Amino acid sequence: MLAFGTAWPRVRAGLITLALAVGFVSGWPLMSDEALARVGEPWATATHVLRRAQDVLLAPFRPGLNLLVLSERFSLFSGASTVRSWIRIEAREKKSGHWRLVYRPHDAEHREDARVFEYRRVRGAWNPRRSEPQPGYRAFAAFAARRIMSGHPEFSAVRVSLEAVTILPEGRGFRGSGRFSHRVVHTREQVFP
């Protein structure tokens, strides 16, 4: 049997290899459920299989990883609040008077003009970085109202607001709260005088 002094380099190499393997498995770039809804099969099946394999492979290490808050799915700013806001754009139908959701980020069903609203320079006007909206938020609301109503004569108004959302652990998506703030409403008469 080797003395501890001569065995230490092998033990150390084994521990480093184990740490690299755990980090590799923990860092697999698995898509969120929202992204999977957009890409469909076979990516959704492959991601679910990999997620299950990841859970099985990391199970023996999970207590230590959780205790030490070690993960390859770390937040760059780990002290940031998990309560954030996202934008919600609704349009009021002339006939019924009901508000209909037309755009919300990360929502596959409500994508009206998403190509424009999500363009990086436009997104900078509405994407909140704290509890208060960006300085360009009101101008964006007027811009959004004009774009949406110009293509939809059946709408009489557009309402833009921020909804408080909670970011789920390990970046696995969002959960809306139903609490809204900073509502801005533009009627057709205001937008097209």
N, C-alpha and C. Protein backbone atom coordinates (compact mmCIF):
# COMPACT_ATOMS: atom_id res chain seq x y z
N MET A 1 0.85 -1.18 0.00
CA MET A 1 0.00 0.00 0.00
C MET A 1 0.89 1.24 0.00
N LEU A 2 0.49 2.19 -0.81
CA LEU A 2 1.25 3.43 -0.91
C LEU A 2 1.03 4.30 0.30
N ALA A 3 2.06 5.01 0.69
CA ALA A 3 1.91 5.96 1.79
C ALA A 3 1.06 7.13 1.31
N PHE A 4 0.40 7.81 2.25
CA PHE A 4 -0.49 8.92 1.90
C PHE A 4 0.23 9.99 1.09
N GLY A 5 1.46 10.25 1.40
CA GLY A 5 2.23 11.28 0.69
C GLY A 5 2.36 10.98 -0.79
N THR A 6 2.55 9.71 -1.14
CA THR A 6 2.70 9.37 -2.55
C THR A 6 1.34 9.16 -3.22
N ALA A 7 0.31 8.89 -2.45
CA ALA A 7 -1.04 8.70 -3.00
C ALA A 7 -1.76 10.02 -3.21
N TRP A 8 -1.34 11.06 -2.52
CA TRP A 8 -2.07 12.34 -2.58
C TRP A 8 -2.25 12.88 -4.00
N PRO A 9 -1.23 12.85 -4.87
CA PRO A 9 -1.46 13.36 -6.23
C PRO A 9 -2.57 12.63 -6.97
N ARG A 10 -2.70 11.34 -6.74
CA ARG A 10 -3.77 10.56 -7.39
C ARG A 10 -5.14 10.92 -6.80
N VAL A 11 -5.20 11.07 -5.48
CA VAL A 11 -6.46 11.46 -4.83
C VAL A 11 -6.88 12.84 -5.32
N ARG A 12 -5.92 13.73 -5.35
CA ARG A 12 -6.20 15.10 -5.80
C ARG A 12 -6.68 15.09 -7.25
N ALA A 13 -6.01 14.34 -8.12
CA ALA A 13 -6.41 14.24 -9.53
C ALA A 13 -7.83 13.66 -9.65
N GLY A 14 -8.14 12.67 -8.81
CA GLY A 14 -9.48 12.08 -8.83
C GLY A 14 -10.55 13.07 -8.40
N LEU A 15 -10.25 13.86 -7.35
CA LEU A 15 -11.22 14.87 -6.89
C LEU A 15 -11.42 15.97 -7.93
N ILE A 16 -10.36 16.37 -8.58
CA ILE A 16 -10.48 17.39 -9.64
C ILE A 16 -11.31 16.84 -10.80
N THR A 17 -11.06 15.59 -11.17
CA THR A 17 -11.81 14.97 -12.26
C THR A 17 -13.29 14.87 -11.90
N LEU A 18 -13.59 14.49 -10.65
CA LEU A 18 -14.97 14.40 -10.19
C LEU A 18 -15.64 15.78 -10.22
N ALA A 19 -14.94 16.81 -9.76
CA ALA A 19 -15.50 18.17 -9.77
C ALA A 19 -15.78 18.62 -11.20
N LEU A 20 -14.88 18.32 -12.12
CA LEU A 20 -15.10 18.68 -13.53
C LEU A 20 -16.29 17.94 -14.12
N ALA A 21 -16.42 16.65 -13.80
CA ALA A 21 -17.54 15.85 -14.32
C ALA A 21 -18.87 16.37 -13.78
N VAL A 22 -18.93 16.65 -12.48
CA VAL A 22 -20.17 17.17 -11.89
C VAL A 22 -20.50 18.54 -12.50
N GLY A 23 -19.50 19.39 -12.66
CA GLY A 23 -19.72 20.70 -13.28
C GLY A 23 -20.19 20.56 -14.72
N PHE A 24 -19.64 19.61 -15.44
CA PHE A 24 -20.04 19.38 -16.83
C PHE A 24 -21.51 18.98 -16.91
N VAL A 25 -21.91 18.02 -16.09
CA VAL A 25 -23.30 17.55 -16.11
C VAL A 25 -24.25 18.65 -15.62
N SER A 26 -23.85 19.37 -14.59
CA SER A 26 -24.67 20.45 -14.06
C SER A 26 -24.86 21.58 -15.08
N GLY A 27 -23.88 21.77 -15.95
CA GLY A 27 -23.93 22.87 -16.90
C GLY A 27 -24.51 22.54 -18.26
N TRP A 28 -25.12 21.37 -18.43
CA TRP A 28 -25.72 21.06 -19.72
C TRP A 28 -26.70 22.17 -20.09
N PRO A 29 -26.62 22.71 -21.29
CA PRO A 29 -27.49 23.82 -21.69
C PRO A 29 -28.88 23.33 -22.10
N LEU A 30 -29.69 23.05 -21.12
CA LEU A 30 -31.04 22.54 -21.38
C LEU A 30 -32.02 23.70 -21.55
N MET A 31 -32.88 23.58 -22.55
CA MET A 31 -33.85 24.63 -22.83
C MET A 31 -34.93 24.68 -21.76
N SER A 32 -35.46 25.90 -21.53
CA SER A 32 -36.56 26.08 -20.60
C SER A 32 -37.83 25.50 -21.22
N ASP A 33 -38.86 25.31 -20.41
CA ASP A 33 -40.13 24.78 -20.91
C ASP A 33 -40.75 25.73 -21.93
N GLU A 34 -40.57 27.05 -21.73
CA GLU A 34 -41.11 28.03 -22.68
C GLU A 34 -40.44 27.87 -24.05
N ALA A 35 -39.11 27.69 -24.03
CA ALA A 35 -38.38 27.51 -25.29
C ALA A 35 -38.77 26.20 -25.96
N LEU A 36 -38.97 25.15 -25.17
CA LEU A 36 -39.35 23.85 -25.72
C LEU A 36 -40.70 23.92 -26.42
N ALA A 37 -41.61 24.75 -25.90
CA ALA A 37 -42.93 24.89 -26.53
C ALA A 37 -42.79 25.47 -27.93
N ARG A 38 -41.78 26.28 -28.14
CA ARG A 38 -41.58 26.90 -29.46
C ARG A 38 -40.88 25.98 -30.45
N VAL A 39 -39.93 25.15 -29.98
CA VAL A 39 -39.14 24.35 -30.91
C VAL A 39 -39.79 23.01 -31.25
N GLY A 40 -40.59 22.46 -30.36
CA GLY A 40 -41.29 21.21 -30.63
C GLY A 40 -40.38 20.00 -30.64
N GLU A 41 -40.89 18.93 -31.28
CA GLU A 41 -40.16 17.67 -31.36
C GLU A 41 -39.09 17.76 -32.43
N PRO A 42 -38.03 17.01 -32.37
CA PRO A 42 -37.60 16.04 -31.36
C PRO A 42 -36.83 16.67 -30.22
N TRP A 43 -36.65 18.00 -30.27
CA TRP A 43 -35.86 18.69 -29.24
C TRP A 43 -36.48 18.56 -27.86
N ALA A 44 -37.82 18.62 -27.80
CA ALA A 44 -38.48 18.54 -26.50
C ALA A 44 -38.21 17.18 -25.85
N THR A 45 -38.34 16.11 -26.61
CA THR A 45 -38.08 14.76 -26.06
C THR A 45 -36.63 14.63 -25.63
N ALA A 46 -35.71 15.09 -26.47
CA ALA A 46 -34.28 14.99 -26.12
C ALA A 46 -33.97 15.78 -24.86
N THR A 47 -34.56 16.96 -24.74
CA THR A 47 -34.31 17.78 -23.55
C THR A 47 -34.86 17.13 -22.30
N HIS A 48 -36.06 16.54 -22.39
CA HIS A 48 -36.64 15.87 -21.22
C HIS A 48 -35.79 14.66 -20.81
N VAL A 49 -35.27 13.92 -21.77
CA VAL A 49 -34.40 12.77 -21.46
C VAL A 49 -33.12 13.27 -20.79
N LEU A 50 -32.51 14.31 -21.34
CA LEU A 50 -31.28 14.85 -20.74
C LEU A 50 -31.53 15.43 -19.35
N ARG A 51 -32.68 16.08 -19.16
CA ARG A 51 -33.00 16.64 -17.84
C ARG A 51 -33.14 15.53 -16.80
N ARG A 52 -33.80 14.41 -17.20
CA ARG A 52 -33.94 13.27 -16.28
C ARG A 52 -32.56 12.66 -15.97
N ALA A 53 -31.74 12.50 -17.00
CA ALA A 53 -30.38 11.95 -16.80
C ALA A 53 -29.57 12.87 -15.90
N GLN A 54 -29.69 14.16 -16.10
CA GLN A 54 -28.98 15.12 -15.25
C GLN A 54 -29.41 14.98 -13.80
N ASP A 55 -30.72 14.87 -13.57
CA ASP A 55 -31.22 14.72 -12.20
C ASP A 55 -30.69 13.45 -11.54
N VAL A 56 -30.65 12.34 -12.29
CA VAL A 56 -30.15 11.07 -11.75
C VAL A 56 -28.66 11.16 -11.45
N LEU A 57 -27.89 11.71 -12.40
CA LEU A 57 -26.43 11.78 -12.22
C LEU A 57 -26.03 12.73 -11.08
N LEU A 58 -26.79 13.77 -10.87
CA LEU A 58 -26.43 14.74 -9.83
C LEU A 58 -27.05 14.43 -8.47
N ALA A 59 -27.96 13.46 -8.41
CA ALA A 59 -28.66 13.14 -7.15
C ALA A 59 -27.69 12.90 -5.97
N PRO A 60 -26.61 12.14 -6.13
CA PRO A 60 -25.73 11.91 -4.98
C PRO A 60 -25.02 13.19 -4.51
N PHE A 61 -24.89 14.16 -5.39
CA PHE A 61 -24.15 15.38 -5.06
C PHE A 61 -25.06 16.54 -4.69
N ARG A 62 -26.39 16.37 -4.89
CA ARG A 62 -27.34 17.47 -4.70
C ARG A 62 -27.28 18.10 -3.30
N PRO A 63 -27.22 17.31 -2.20
CA PRO A 63 -27.17 17.96 -0.88
C PRO A 63 -25.99 18.91 -0.73
N GLY A 64 -24.82 18.48 -1.17
CA GLY A 64 -23.63 19.33 -1.07
C GLY A 64 -23.71 20.53 -2.00
N LEU A 65 -24.23 20.31 -3.21
CA LEU A 65 -24.37 21.42 -4.16
C LEU A 65 -25.34 22.47 -3.65
N ASN A 66 -26.47 22.00 -3.07
CA ASN A 66 -27.46 22.95 -2.53
C ASN A 66 -26.93 23.67 -1.30
N LEU A 67 -26.25 22.94 -0.43
CA LEU A 67 -25.72 23.54 0.79
C LEU A 67 -24.71 24.63 0.47
N LEU A 68 -23.84 24.37 -0.49
CA LEU A 68 -22.80 25.33 -0.85
C LEU A 68 -23.21 26.29 -1.97
N VAL A 69 -24.46 26.13 -2.46
CA VAL A 69 -24.99 26.94 -3.56
C VAL A 69 -24.05 26.88 -4.76
N LEU A 70 -23.68 25.65 -5.12
CA LEU A 70 -22.81 25.43 -6.27
C LEU A 70 -23.65 24.92 -7.42
N SER A 71 -23.50 25.57 -8.56
CA SER A 71 -24.25 25.17 -9.73
C SER A 71 -23.61 25.81 -10.94
N GLU A 72 -23.73 25.17 -12.07
CA GLU A 72 -23.29 25.78 -13.32
C GLU A 72 -24.41 26.65 -13.88
N ARG A 73 -25.56 26.68 -13.24
CA ARG A 73 -26.66 27.53 -13.65
C ARG A 73 -26.73 28.72 -12.70
N PHE A 74 -25.60 29.35 -12.51
CA PHE A 74 -25.52 30.45 -11.57
C PHE A 74 -25.99 31.74 -12.20
N SER A 75 -26.36 32.66 -11.36
CA SER A 75 -26.73 33.99 -11.79
C SER A 75 -25.47 34.86 -11.73
N LEU A 76 -25.27 35.64 -12.76
CA LEU A 76 -24.10 36.51 -12.77
C LEU A 76 -24.14 37.47 -11.58
N PHE A 77 -25.33 37.95 -11.26
CA PHE A 77 -25.52 38.83 -10.12
C PHE A 77 -26.39 38.08 -9.11
N SER A 78 -25.79 37.23 -8.32
CA SER A 78 -26.56 36.33 -7.45
C SER A 78 -27.34 37.06 -6.38
N GLY A 79 -27.02 38.32 -6.12
CA GLY A 79 -27.78 39.08 -5.13
C GLY A 79 -29.00 39.76 -5.71
N ALA A 80 -29.23 39.61 -7.02
CA ALA A 80 -30.36 40.26 -7.67
C ALA A 80 -31.67 39.64 -7.19
N SER A 81 -32.68 40.45 -7.14
CA SER A 81 -34.00 39.99 -6.70
C SER A 81 -34.59 39.03 -7.72
N THR A 82 -35.32 38.04 -7.24
CA THR A 82 -36.02 37.13 -8.14
C THR A 82 -37.39 37.67 -8.51
N VAL A 83 -37.80 38.78 -7.92
CA VAL A 83 -39.06 39.43 -8.28
C VAL A 83 -38.72 40.51 -9.30
N ARG A 84 -39.23 40.35 -10.50
CA ARG A 84 -38.96 41.25 -11.60
C ARG A 84 -40.27 41.64 -12.26
N SER A 85 -40.17 42.35 -13.37
CA SER A 85 -41.35 42.74 -14.13
C SER A 85 -41.16 42.38 -15.59
N TRP A 86 -42.28 42.11 -16.26
CA TRP A 86 -42.24 41.98 -17.70
C TRP A 86 -43.42 42.75 -18.26
N ILE A 87 -43.30 43.09 -19.52
CA ILE A 87 -44.30 43.95 -20.14
C ILE A 87 -45.49 43.13 -20.62
N ARG A 88 -46.62 43.79 -20.63
CA ARG A 88 -47.86 43.17 -21.09
C ARG A 88 -48.58 44.21 -21.94
N ILE A 89 -48.94 43.84 -23.16
CA ILE A 89 -49.66 44.75 -24.05
C ILE A 89 -51.01 44.11 -24.38
N GLU A 90 -52.06 44.87 -24.11
CA GLU A 90 -53.41 44.40 -24.36
C GLU A 90 -54.12 45.38 -25.29
N ALA A 91 -55.12 44.89 -26.02
CA ALA A 91 -55.91 45.75 -26.89
C ALA A 91 -57.38 45.54 -26.55
N ARG A 92 -58.14 46.67 -26.56
CA ARG A 92 -59.58 46.58 -26.26
C ARG A 92 -60.34 46.45 -27.57
N GLU A 93 -61.19 45.43 -27.63
CA GLU A 93 -62.00 45.20 -28.82
C GLU A 93 -63.16 46.18 -28.84
N LYS A 94 -63.43 46.78 -30.00
CA LYS A 94 -64.50 47.78 -30.12
C LYS A 94 -65.86 47.19 -29.79
N LYS A 95 -66.16 46.02 -30.34
CA LYS A 95 -67.51 45.44 -30.19
C LYS A 95 -67.82 45.03 -28.76
N SER A 96 -66.92 44.25 -28.15
CA SER A 96 -67.21 43.70 -26.82
C SER A 96 -66.71 44.58 -25.69
N GLY A 97 -65.71 45.40 -25.96
CA GLY A 97 -65.11 46.22 -24.90
C GLY A 97 -64.14 45.44 -24.02
N HIS A 98 -63.90 44.16 -24.35
CA HIS A 98 -62.98 43.33 -23.56
C HIS A 98 -61.54 43.58 -23.97
N TRP A 99 -60.67 43.48 -22.97
CA TRP A 99 -59.23 43.59 -23.22
C TRP A 99 -58.70 42.23 -23.62
N ARG A 100 -57.90 42.20 -24.67
CA ARG A 100 -57.33 40.96 -25.18
C ARG A 100 -55.80 41.10 -25.17
N LEU A 101 -55.13 40.12 -24.57
CA LEU A 101 -53.67 40.11 -24.52
C LEU A 101 -53.14 39.89 -25.94
N VAL A 102 -52.25 40.80 -26.41
CA VAL A 102 -51.70 40.66 -27.75
C VAL A 102 -50.19 40.42 -27.75
N TYR A 103 -49.49 40.87 -26.70
CA TYR A 103 -48.05 40.64 -26.64
C TYR A 103 -47.59 40.50 -25.19
N ARG A 104 -46.73 39.49 -24.99
CA ARG A 104 -46.03 39.29 -23.71
C ARG A 104 -44.76 38.52 -24.03
N PRO A 105 -43.62 38.94 -23.50
CA PRO A 105 -42.37 38.22 -23.79
C PRO A 105 -42.43 36.77 -23.32
N HIS A 106 -41.76 35.90 -24.02
CA HIS A 106 -41.66 34.48 -23.67
C HIS A 106 -43.02 33.79 -23.66
N ASP A 107 -43.94 34.27 -24.49
CA ASP A 107 -45.29 33.71 -24.56
C ASP A 107 -45.55 33.35 -26.02
N ALA A 108 -45.58 32.06 -26.32
CA ALA A 108 -45.71 31.60 -27.70
C ALA A 108 -47.05 31.98 -28.33
N GLU A 109 -48.08 32.20 -27.53
CA GLU A 109 -49.41 32.49 -28.06
C GLU A 109 -49.68 33.97 -28.28
N HIS A 110 -48.97 34.85 -27.61
CA HIS A 110 -49.24 36.28 -27.68
C HIS A 110 -48.00 37.00 -28.19
N ARG A 111 -47.84 37.02 -29.52
CA ARG A 111 -46.61 37.47 -30.15
C ARG A 111 -46.82 38.63 -31.12
N GLU A 112 -47.91 39.37 -31.02
CA GLU A 112 -48.19 40.48 -31.93
C GLU A 112 -46.99 41.42 -32.03
N ASP A 113 -46.48 41.58 -33.23
CA ASP A 113 -45.36 42.49 -33.52
C ASP A 113 -44.10 42.19 -32.69
N ALA A 114 -43.93 40.95 -32.26
CA ALA A 114 -42.79 40.57 -31.42
C ALA A 114 -41.46 40.86 -32.09
N ARG A 115 -41.40 40.71 -33.39
CA ARG A 115 -40.15 40.96 -34.12
C ARG A 115 -39.67 42.39 -33.88
N VAL A 116 -40.61 43.32 -33.85
CA VAL A 116 -40.26 44.73 -33.62
C VAL A 116 -40.04 44.99 -32.13
N PHE A 117 -40.96 44.54 -31.27
CA PHE A 117 -40.87 44.83 -29.83
C PHE A 117 -39.65 44.21 -29.19
N GLU A 118 -39.17 43.09 -29.71
CA GLU A 118 -38.03 42.41 -29.12
C GLU A 118 -36.69 42.79 -29.76
N TYR A 119 -36.73 43.65 -30.76
CA TYR A 119 -35.49 44.15 -31.35
C TYR A 119 -34.73 44.88 -30.24
N ARG A 120 -33.44 44.64 -30.14
CA ARG A 120 -32.66 45.11 -28.98
C ARG A 120 -32.80 46.61 -28.72
N ARG A 121 -32.87 47.43 -29.73
CA ARG A 121 -32.94 48.87 -29.50
C ARG A 121 -34.34 49.29 -29.04
N VAL A 122 -35.35 48.61 -29.50
CA VAL A 122 -36.72 48.90 -29.04
C VAL A 122 -36.91 48.33 -27.64
N ARG A 123 -36.44 47.10 -27.43
CA ARG A 123 -36.57 46.46 -26.11
C ARG A 123 -35.95 47.30 -25.00
N GLY A 124 -34.90 48.04 -25.32
CA GLY A 124 -34.26 48.89 -24.33
C GLY A 124 -35.17 49.98 -23.79
N ALA A 125 -36.22 50.32 -24.53
CA ALA A 125 -37.16 51.36 -24.08
C ALA A 125 -38.17 50.83 -23.07
N TRP A 126 -38.43 49.54 -23.08
CA TRP A 126 -39.46 49.01 -22.17
C TRP A 126 -38.97 47.96 -21.18
N ASN A 127 -37.87 47.30 -21.44
CA ASN A 127 -37.41 46.20 -20.59
C ASN A 127 -36.93 46.74 -19.24
N PRO A 128 -37.71 46.53 -18.17
CA PRO A 128 -37.35 47.11 -16.88
C PRO A 128 -36.12 46.45 -16.27
N ARG A 129 -35.26 47.28 -15.69
CA ARG A 129 -34.07 46.77 -15.02
C ARG A 129 -34.20 46.86 -13.51
N ARG A 130 -35.27 47.43 -13.07
CA ARG A 130 -35.55 47.56 -11.63
C ARG A 130 -37.07 47.69 -11.49
N SER A 131 -37.57 48.14 -10.36
CA SER A 131 -39.02 48.20 -10.16
C SER A 131 -39.68 49.32 -10.95
N GLU A 132 -38.90 50.30 -11.36
CA GLU A 132 -39.43 51.42 -12.15
C GLU A 132 -39.19 51.16 -13.63
N PRO A 133 -40.08 51.65 -14.49
CA PRO A 133 -39.87 51.46 -15.92
C PRO A 133 -38.71 52.31 -16.45
N GLN A 134 -38.28 51.98 -17.64
CA GLN A 134 -37.22 52.73 -18.30
C GLN A 134 -37.71 54.15 -18.64
N PRO A 135 -36.79 55.10 -18.80
CA PRO A 135 -37.21 56.46 -19.16
C PRO A 135 -38.02 56.52 -20.47
N GLY A 136 -37.78 55.61 -21.40
CA GLY A 136 -38.51 55.61 -22.66
C GLY A 136 -39.80 54.83 -22.66
N TYR A 137 -40.25 54.40 -21.48
CA TYR A 137 -41.43 53.53 -21.36
C TYR A 137 -42.69 54.18 -21.93
N ARG A 138 -42.98 55.43 -21.57
CA ARG A 138 -44.20 56.10 -22.04
C ARG A 138 -44.16 56.30 -23.56
N ALA A 139 -43.00 56.66 -24.08
CA ALA A 139 -42.87 56.81 -25.54
C ALA A 139 -43.07 55.45 -26.22
N PHE A 140 -42.54 54.39 -25.62
CA PHE A 140 -42.75 53.05 -26.18
C PHE A 140 -44.23 52.70 -26.19
N ALA A 141 -44.96 53.03 -25.11
CA ALA A 141 -46.40 52.72 -25.04
C ALA A 141 -47.14 53.39 -26.19
N ALA A 142 -46.81 54.64 -26.49
CA ALA A 142 -47.46 55.35 -27.60
C ALA A 142 -47.09 54.69 -28.94
N PHE A 143 -45.82 54.32 -29.09
CA PHE A 143 -45.34 53.64 -30.29
C PHE A 143 -46.07 52.31 -30.48
N ALA A 144 -46.18 51.52 -29.41
CA ALA A 144 -46.84 50.22 -29.48
C ALA A 144 -48.32 50.38 -29.83
N ALA A 145 -48.97 51.35 -29.23
CA ALA A 145 -50.39 51.58 -29.51
C ALA A 145 -50.60 51.92 -30.98
N ARG A 146 -49.77 52.78 -31.51
CA ARG A 146 -49.89 53.17 -32.93
C ARG A 146 -49.67 51.96 -33.83
N ARG A 147 -48.64 51.16 -33.56
CA ARG A 147 -48.35 49.99 -34.41
C ARG A 147 -49.49 48.98 -34.37
N ILE A 148 -49.99 48.70 -33.17
CA ILE A 148 -51.02 47.67 -33.05
C ILE A 148 -52.34 48.14 -33.65
N MET A 149 -52.74 49.37 -33.34
CA MET A 149 -54.04 49.84 -33.86
C MET A 149 -54.01 50.12 -35.36
N SER A 150 -52.84 50.43 -35.91
CA SER A 150 -52.79 50.67 -37.35
C SER A 150 -53.07 49.39 -38.14
N GLY A 151 -52.77 48.25 -37.57
CA GLY A 151 -53.02 46.98 -38.24
C GLY A 151 -54.31 46.30 -37.82
N HIS A 152 -55.01 46.88 -36.84
CA HIS A 152 -56.22 46.25 -36.32
C HIS A 152 -57.32 47.28 -36.10
N PRO A 153 -58.15 47.52 -37.09
CA PRO A 153 -59.23 48.50 -36.92
C PRO A 153 -60.28 48.05 -35.89
N GLU A 154 -60.24 46.78 -35.51
CA GLU A 154 -61.22 46.28 -34.52
C GLU A 154 -60.86 46.66 -33.08
N PHE A 155 -59.70 47.28 -32.87
CA PHE A 155 -59.27 47.69 -31.53
C PHE A 155 -59.54 49.17 -31.32
N SER A 156 -60.04 49.51 -30.13
CA SER A 156 -60.33 50.92 -29.81
C SER A 156 -59.28 51.53 -28.88
N ALA A 157 -58.48 50.71 -28.22
CA ALA A 157 -57.46 51.22 -27.31
C ALA A 157 -56.39 50.15 -27.10
N VAL A 158 -55.23 50.61 -26.65
CA VAL A 158 -54.13 49.70 -26.30
C VAL A 158 -53.65 50.07 -24.91
N ARG A 159 -53.45 49.05 -24.10
CA ARG A 159 -52.99 49.25 -22.71
C ARG A 159 -51.66 48.53 -22.54
N VAL A 160 -50.67 49.28 -22.03
CA VAL A 160 -49.33 48.73 -21.77
C VAL A 160 -49.11 48.79 -20.27
N SER A 161 -48.65 47.70 -19.68
CA SER A 161 -48.40 47.67 -18.23
C SER A 161 -47.26 46.72 -17.93
N LEU A 162 -46.76 46.80 -16.71
CA LEU A 162 -45.72 45.89 -16.23
C LEU A 162 -46.35 44.94 -15.22
N GLU A 163 -46.12 43.65 -15.40
CA GLU A 163 -46.61 42.65 -14.46
C GLU A 163 -45.45 42.15 -13.61
N ALA A 164 -45.65 42.08 -12.32
CA ALA A 164 -44.63 41.53 -11.42
C ALA A 164 -44.57 40.02 -11.65
N VAL A 165 -43.36 39.49 -11.86
CA VAL A 165 -43.16 38.06 -12.06
C VAL A 165 -42.07 37.57 -11.12
N THR A 166 -42.10 36.30 -10.83
CA THR A 166 -41.07 35.67 -10.01
C THR A 166 -40.25 34.76 -10.91
N ILE A 167 -38.93 34.89 -10.84
CA ILE A 167 -38.05 34.02 -11.61
C ILE A 167 -37.90 32.73 -10.82
N LEU A 168 -38.17 31.61 -11.47
CA LEU A 168 -38.13 30.31 -10.81
C LEU A 168 -36.68 29.87 -10.58
N PRO A 169 -36.47 28.99 -9.60
CA PRO A 169 -35.11 28.54 -9.29
C PRO A 169 -34.41 27.93 -10.49
N GLU A 170 -33.10 28.11 -10.54
CA GLU A 170 -32.24 27.57 -11.58
C GLU A 170 -32.63 28.05 -12.97
N GLY A 171 -33.27 29.21 -13.06
CA GLY A 171 -33.62 29.78 -14.35
C GLY A 171 -34.61 28.97 -15.15
N ARG A 172 -35.50 28.27 -14.48
CA ARG A 172 -36.45 27.37 -15.15
C ARG A 172 -37.72 28.09 -15.60
N GLY A 173 -37.69 29.40 -15.72
CA GLY A 173 -38.86 30.12 -16.24
C GLY A 173 -39.35 31.20 -15.31
N PHE A 174 -40.60 31.59 -15.52
CA PHE A 174 -41.21 32.69 -14.79
C PHE A 174 -42.57 32.26 -14.26
N ARG A 175 -43.05 32.98 -13.26
CA ARG A 175 -44.41 32.80 -12.78
C ARG A 175 -45.02 34.20 -12.63
N GLY A 176 -46.08 34.47 -13.36
CA GLY A 176 -46.76 35.76 -13.28
C GLY A 176 -47.50 35.90 -11.96
N SER A 177 -47.71 37.14 -11.52
CA SER A 177 -48.38 37.38 -10.24
C SER A 177 -49.80 37.90 -10.41
N GLY A 178 -50.11 38.45 -11.58
CA GLY A 178 -51.42 39.08 -11.77
C GLY A 178 -51.46 40.49 -11.19
N ARG A 179 -50.32 40.99 -10.69
CA ARG A 179 -50.25 42.37 -10.16
C ARG A 179 -49.58 43.24 -11.21
N PHE A 180 -50.26 44.33 -11.58
CA PHE A 180 -49.79 45.20 -12.66
C PHE A 180 -49.52 46.59 -12.15
N SER A 181 -48.56 47.24 -12.78
CA SER A 181 -48.22 48.62 -12.42
C SER A 181 -47.87 49.39 -13.69
N HIS A 182 -47.77 50.69 -13.54
CA HIS A 182 -47.35 51.58 -14.63
C HIS A 182 -48.19 51.37 -15.89
N ARG A 183 -49.51 51.36 -15.70
CA ARG A 183 -50.42 51.20 -16.84
C ARG A 183 -50.50 52.48 -17.64
N VAL A 184 -50.40 52.34 -18.94
CA VAL A 184 -50.55 53.46 -19.86
C VAL A 184 -51.57 53.03 -20.91
N VAL A 185 -52.63 53.82 -21.07
CA VAL A 185 -53.67 53.51 -22.04
C VAL A 185 -53.70 54.59 -23.11
N HIS A 186 -53.73 54.16 -24.36
CA HIS A 186 -53.87 55.08 -25.49
C HIS A 186 -55.10 54.66 -26.29
N THR A 187 -56.04 55.59 -26.49
CA THR A 187 -57.22 55.31 -27.30
C THR A 187 -56.92 55.60 -28.76
N ARG A 188 -57.78 55.11 -29.62
CA ARG A 188 -57.61 55.36 -31.05
C ARG A 188 -57.64 56.86 -31.35
N GLU A 189 -58.49 57.61 -30.64
CA GLU A 189 -58.58 59.04 -30.86
C GLU A 189 -57.28 59.76 -30.45
N GLN A 190 -56.60 59.26 -29.45
CA GLN A 190 -55.33 59.87 -29.04
C GLN A 190 -54.22 59.57 -30.04
N VAL A 191 -54.22 58.36 -30.54
CA VAL A 191 -53.14 57.92 -31.42
C VAL A 191 -53.33 58.46 -32.85
N PHE A 192 -54.57 58.49 -33.31
CA PHE A 192 -54.88 58.99 -34.65
C PHE A 192 -55.86 60.16 -34.54
N PRO A 193 -55.39 61.35 -34.16
CA PRO A 193 -56.31 62.49 -33.95
C PRO A 193 -56.97 62.96 -35.23
